Amino acid sequence: MILVSKAYRLAPNDWRIHQLFALNYISFDMLEAAKLSLQRAISLNAKNAELHYQLARLYFTLGSFVDSIEESKQALALRPDYAEVYHNLALSYEGNGNVDAAIQNFEKAVELNRKNKSKDEWPLIDFATYQRMGGKPDAALPLLEEALAINPNSSKANYEMGELLRDLKKYEDAKKIPPNLLRLGSLQRASSVRVGVSDAHHRRHARFA
């Protein structure tokens, strides 16, 4: 933070410095200060899709779903193929209770990640969890299988697969999941429930940068 402050004194109107301030504030859980820094960065470089995306993620973490949706749309206006933004939109619409829009944006995020051969398993996990919790376990199964093909050691994917297999009454298959990964996934879920946020909300805060 000291180096960023020195850079700010030399170039107070450099948007990159305000972005760095924001990321530093996030690491210290100073989310309101981070929001102001990102807003300042955008005022200096309004055509930067990443800045709009980062502010959208921050709004999501703060539970400001309407603001997150609006900021995500601004990012997509600048970069229509931004897969991470569609993922954030899906989570924000989920938080807002808009089922159709959440599904549409989950599907778009997964489609773009497949097209780009992305190794990010999280859109698949979040979409699968959303489908399972919405009473569509059969739709969730191939998504979790794909997520585990990308990252077999994902504790969250293994935990959700275990829950899903039990929902489908495939108890013997559920027993094959490594117990240590199930425990890690369960702890992750319990932690997010204790602080009163969704799994995706909790993870977004932890994985902002």
Protein backbone atom coordinates (compact mmCIF):
# COMPACT_ATOMS: atom_id res chain seq x y z
CA MET A 1 0.00 0.00 0.00
CA ILE A 2 2.93 2.35 0.69
CA LEU A 3 4.25 1.95 -2.85
CA VAL A 4 0.79 2.55 -4.32
CA SER A 5 0.45 5.70 -2.23
CA LYS A 6 3.77 6.98 -3.54
CA ALA A 7 2.67 6.25 -7.11
CA TYR A 8 -0.58 8.12 -6.47
CA ARG A 9 1.33 11.25 -5.43
CA LEU A 10 3.23 11.13 -8.71
CA ALA A 11 0.22 10.38 -10.95
CA PRO A 12 -3.10 10.93 -9.16
CA ASN A 13 -5.09 10.62 -12.39
CA ASP A 14 -3.69 7.27 -13.49
CA TRP A 15 -6.63 4.80 -13.44
CA ARG A 16 -4.27 1.87 -12.84
CA ILE A 17 -3.25 3.29 -9.47
CA HIS A 18 -6.87 3.54 -8.34
CA GLN A 19 -7.42 -0.05 -9.47
CA LEU A 20 -4.43 -1.14 -7.38
CA PHE A 21 -5.81 0.79 -4.42
CA ALA A 22 -9.08 -1.11 -4.83
CA LEU A 23 -7.40 -4.51 -4.91
CA ASN A 24 -5.37 -3.62 -1.82
CA TYR A 25 -8.47 -2.44 0.01
CA ILE A 26 -10.21 -5.71 -0.84
CA SER A 27 -7.33 -7.70 0.65
CA PHE A 28 -7.94 -5.81 3.92
CA ASP A 29 -11.73 -6.27 3.68
CA MET A 30 -12.22 -2.52 3.21
CA LEU A 31 -14.95 -2.99 0.63
CA GLU A 32 -16.51 0.48 0.67
CA ALA A 33 -13.10 2.05 0.10
CA ALA A 34 -12.49 -0.45 -2.71
CA LYS A 35 -15.80 0.53 -4.31
CA LEU A 36 -14.86 4.21 -4.30
CA SER A 37 -11.45 3.44 -5.82
CA LEU A 38 -12.96 1.37 -8.62
CA GLN A 39 -15.54 4.04 -9.32
CA ARG A 40 -12.71 6.57 -9.57
CA ALA A 41 -10.75 4.29 -11.90
CA ILE A 42 -13.80 3.96 -14.15
CA SER A 43 -14.28 7.72 -14.22
CA LEU A 44 -10.74 7.92 -15.61
CA ASN A 45 -11.06 4.98 -18.03
CA ALA A 46 -14.72 4.29 -18.75
CA LYS A 47 -13.96 2.03 -21.74
CA ASN A 48 -12.15 -0.59 -19.67
CA ALA A 49 -14.36 -3.69 -19.42
CA GLU A 50 -12.27 -5.26 -16.67
CA LEU A 51 -12.87 -2.31 -14.34
CA HIS A 52 -16.63 -2.57 -14.83
CA TYR A 53 -16.41 -6.32 -14.21
CA GLN A 54 -14.39 -5.89 -11.02
CA LEU A 55 -16.86 -3.31 -9.72
CA ALA A 56 -19.73 -5.66 -10.62
CA ARG A 57 -18.09 -8.45 -8.62
CA LEU A 58 -17.62 -6.12 -5.70
CA TYR A 59 -21.27 -5.06 -5.82
CA PHE A 60 -22.20 -8.75 -5.81
CA THR A 61 -20.03 -9.36 -2.74
CA LEU A 62 -21.76 -6.45 -1.03
CA GLY A 63 -25.15 -7.94 -1.89
CA SER A 64 -26.03 -5.08 -4.25
CA PHE A 65 -27.42 -7.31 -6.97
CA VAL A 66 -29.12 -4.60 -9.02
CA ASP A 67 -25.91 -2.56 -9.16
CA SER A 68 -23.93 -5.69 -10.00
CA ILE A 69 -26.26 -6.46 -12.90
CA GLU A 70 -26.03 -2.92 -14.27
CA GLU A 71 -22.23 -2.82 -14.02
CA SER A 72 -21.98 -6.26 -15.66
CA LYS A 73 -24.06 -5.02 -18.57
CA GLN A 74 -21.67 -2.10 -19.01
CA ALA A 75 -18.75 -4.53 -19.14
CA LEU A 76 -20.52 -6.63 -21.77
CA ALA A 77 -21.28 -3.56 -23.86
CA LEU A 78 -17.52 -3.12 -24.15
CA ARG A 79 -16.61 -6.83 -24.41
CA PRO A 80 -19.55 -9.05 -25.43
CA ASP A 81 -17.62 -12.34 -25.08
CA TYR A 82 -16.51 -11.80 -21.46
CA ALA A 83 -17.30 -15.19 -19.90
CA GLU A 84 -16.59 -14.15 -16.31
CA VAL A 85 -19.13 -11.34 -16.60
CA TYR A 86 -21.88 -13.74 -17.69
CA HIS A 87 -21.02 -15.88 -14.67
CA ASN A 88 -21.30 -12.86 -12.39
CA LEU A 89 -24.58 -11.90 -14.04
CA ALA A 90 -25.94 -15.39 -13.40
CA LEU A 91 -25.01 -15.20 -9.72
CA SER A 92 -26.50 -11.72 -9.42
CA TYR A 93 -29.76 -12.75 -11.07
CA GLU A 94 -29.80 -15.79 -8.77
CA GLY A 95 -29.43 -13.44 -5.79
CA ASN A 96 -32.23 -11.30 -7.22
CA GLY A 97 -34.54 -14.30 -7.68
CA ASN A 98 -34.72 -14.05 -11.48
CA VAL A 99 -34.63 -17.73 -12.42
CA ASP A 100 -34.84 -17.41 -16.21
CA ALA A 101 -32.11 -14.76 -16.41
CA ALA A 102 -29.87 -16.72 -14.04
CA ILE A 103 -30.12 -19.87 -16.16
CA GLN A 104 -29.60 -17.96 -19.41
CA ASN A 105 -26.42 -16.35 -18.13
CA PHE A 106 -25.09 -19.55 -16.55
CA GLU A 107 -25.55 -21.22 -19.93
CA LYS A 108 -23.73 -18.39 -21.71
CA ALA A 109 -20.82 -18.47 -19.25
CA VAL A 110 -20.43 -22.23 -19.67
CA GLU A 111 -20.73 -21.95 -23.46
CA LEU A 112 -17.98 -19.33 -23.67
CA ASN A 113 -15.70 -21.24 -21.30
CA ARG A 114 -16.06 -24.34 -23.47
CA LYS A 115 -15.39 -22.30 -26.60
CA ASN A 116 -12.28 -20.76 -25.02
CA LYS A 117 -11.17 -24.11 -23.54
CA SER A 118 -11.10 -22.47 -20.12
CA LYS A 119 -9.93 -24.49 -17.13
CA ASP A 120 -12.22 -22.62 -14.74
CA GLU A 121 -14.59 -25.15 -13.16
CA TRP A 122 -16.56 -22.63 -11.09
CA PRO A 123 -19.29 -21.67 -13.60
CA LEU A 124 -20.08 -25.37 -13.97
CA ILE A 125 -20.15 -25.91 -10.20
CA ASP A 126 -22.34 -22.89 -9.56
CA PHE A 127 -24.72 -23.78 -12.38
CA ALA A 128 -24.94 -27.39 -11.20
CA THR A 129 -25.62 -26.27 -7.63
CA TYR A 130 -28.33 -23.90 -8.86
CA GLN A 131 -29.96 -26.68 -10.87
CA ARG A 132 -29.79 -29.16 -8.00
CA MET A 133 -31.25 -26.70 -5.51
CA GLY A 134 -33.94 -25.89 -8.07
CA GLY A 135 -35.05 -29.52 -8.18
CA LYS A 136 -33.26 -30.49 -11.42
CA PRO A 137 -30.66 -33.08 -10.34
CA ASP A 138 -30.50 -34.72 -13.77
CA ALA A 139 -29.48 -31.39 -15.31
CA ALA A 140 -26.85 -30.88 -12.60
CA LEU A 141 -25.09 -34.23 -13.07
CA PRO A 142 -23.32 -33.60 -16.43
CA LEU A 143 -22.25 -30.15 -15.25
CA LEU A 144 -20.54 -31.56 -12.16
CA GLU A 145 -18.98 -34.35 -14.22
CA GLU A 146 -17.50 -31.72 -16.52
CA ALA A 147 -16.28 -29.65 -13.56
CA LEU A 148 -14.54 -32.68 -12.07
CA ALA A 149 -12.96 -33.49 -15.42
CA ILE A 150 -11.38 -30.02 -15.30
CA ASN A 151 -10.37 -30.22 -11.63
CA PRO A 152 -10.74 -33.65 -10.00
CA ASN A 153 -9.45 -32.27 -6.68
CA SER A 154 -12.04 -29.52 -6.34
CA SER A 155 -13.47 -29.94 -2.85
CA LYS A 156 -16.58 -27.96 -3.76
CA ALA A 157 -17.27 -30.01 -6.90
CA ASN A 158 -16.75 -33.27 -4.99
CA TYR A 159 -18.99 -32.12 -2.16
CA GLU A 160 -21.76 -31.09 -4.55
CA MET A 161 -21.40 -34.37 -6.45
CA GLY A 162 -21.78 -36.30 -3.21
CA GLU A 163 -24.93 -34.38 -2.33
CA LEU A 164 -26.29 -34.84 -5.84
CA LEU A 165 -25.65 -38.58 -5.91
CA ARG A 166 -27.48 -38.95 -2.62
CA ASP A 167 -30.38 -36.95 -4.06
CA LEU A 168 -30.40 -39.40 -6.99
CA LYS A 169 -30.22 -42.32 -4.50
CA LYS A 170 -26.90 -43.45 -5.97
CA TYR A 171 -25.48 -44.16 -2.54
CA GLU A 172 -22.74 -46.57 -3.63
CA ASP A 173 -21.39 -44.03 -6.13
CA ALA A 174 -21.48 -41.33 -3.44
CA LYS A 175 -19.30 -43.51 -1.19
CA LYS A 176 -16.54 -43.50 -3.85
CA ILE A 177 -15.85 -39.78 -3.40
CA PRO A 178 -12.68 -39.24 -1.31
CA PRO A 179 -13.76 -38.43 2.28
CA ASN A 180 -11.14 -35.70 2.69
CA LEU A 181 -12.55 -33.77 -0.26
CA LEU A 182 -16.08 -34.17 1.06
CA ARG A 183 -15.00 -32.79 4.43
CA LEU A 184 -13.28 -29.80 2.84
CA GLY A 185 -16.34 -29.05 0.73
CA SER A 186 -18.61 -29.39 3.74
CA LEU A 187 -16.44 -27.03 5.80
CA GLN A 188 -16.47 -24.50 2.98
CA ARG A 189 -20.26 -24.61 2.85
CA ALA A 190 -20.62 -24.43 6.64
CA SER A 191 -18.34 -21.39 6.80
CA SER A 192 -20.39 -19.53 4.21
CA VAL A 193 -23.66 -20.37 5.96
CA ARG A 194 -22.34 -19.11 9.32
CA VAL A 195 -21.56 -15.67 7.90
CA GLY A 196 -24.98 -15.54 6.25
CA VAL A 197 -24.04 -15.55 2.57
CA SER A 198 -24.38 -17.98 -0.31
CA ASP A 199 -21.49 -20.25 -1.31
CA ALA A 200 -20.97 -18.28 -4.50
CA HIS A 201 -21.11 -14.98 -2.60
CA HIS A 202 -18.53 -16.22 -0.10
CA ARG A 203 -16.24 -17.51 -2.85
CA ARG A 204 -16.51 -14.33 -4.91
CA HIS A 205 -15.25 -12.33 -1.99
CA ALA A 206 -12.35 -14.71 -1.46
CA ARG A 207 -11.42 -14.95 -5.16
CA PHE A 208 -11.94 -11.34 -6.29
CA ALA A 209 -8.65 -10.71 -8.03
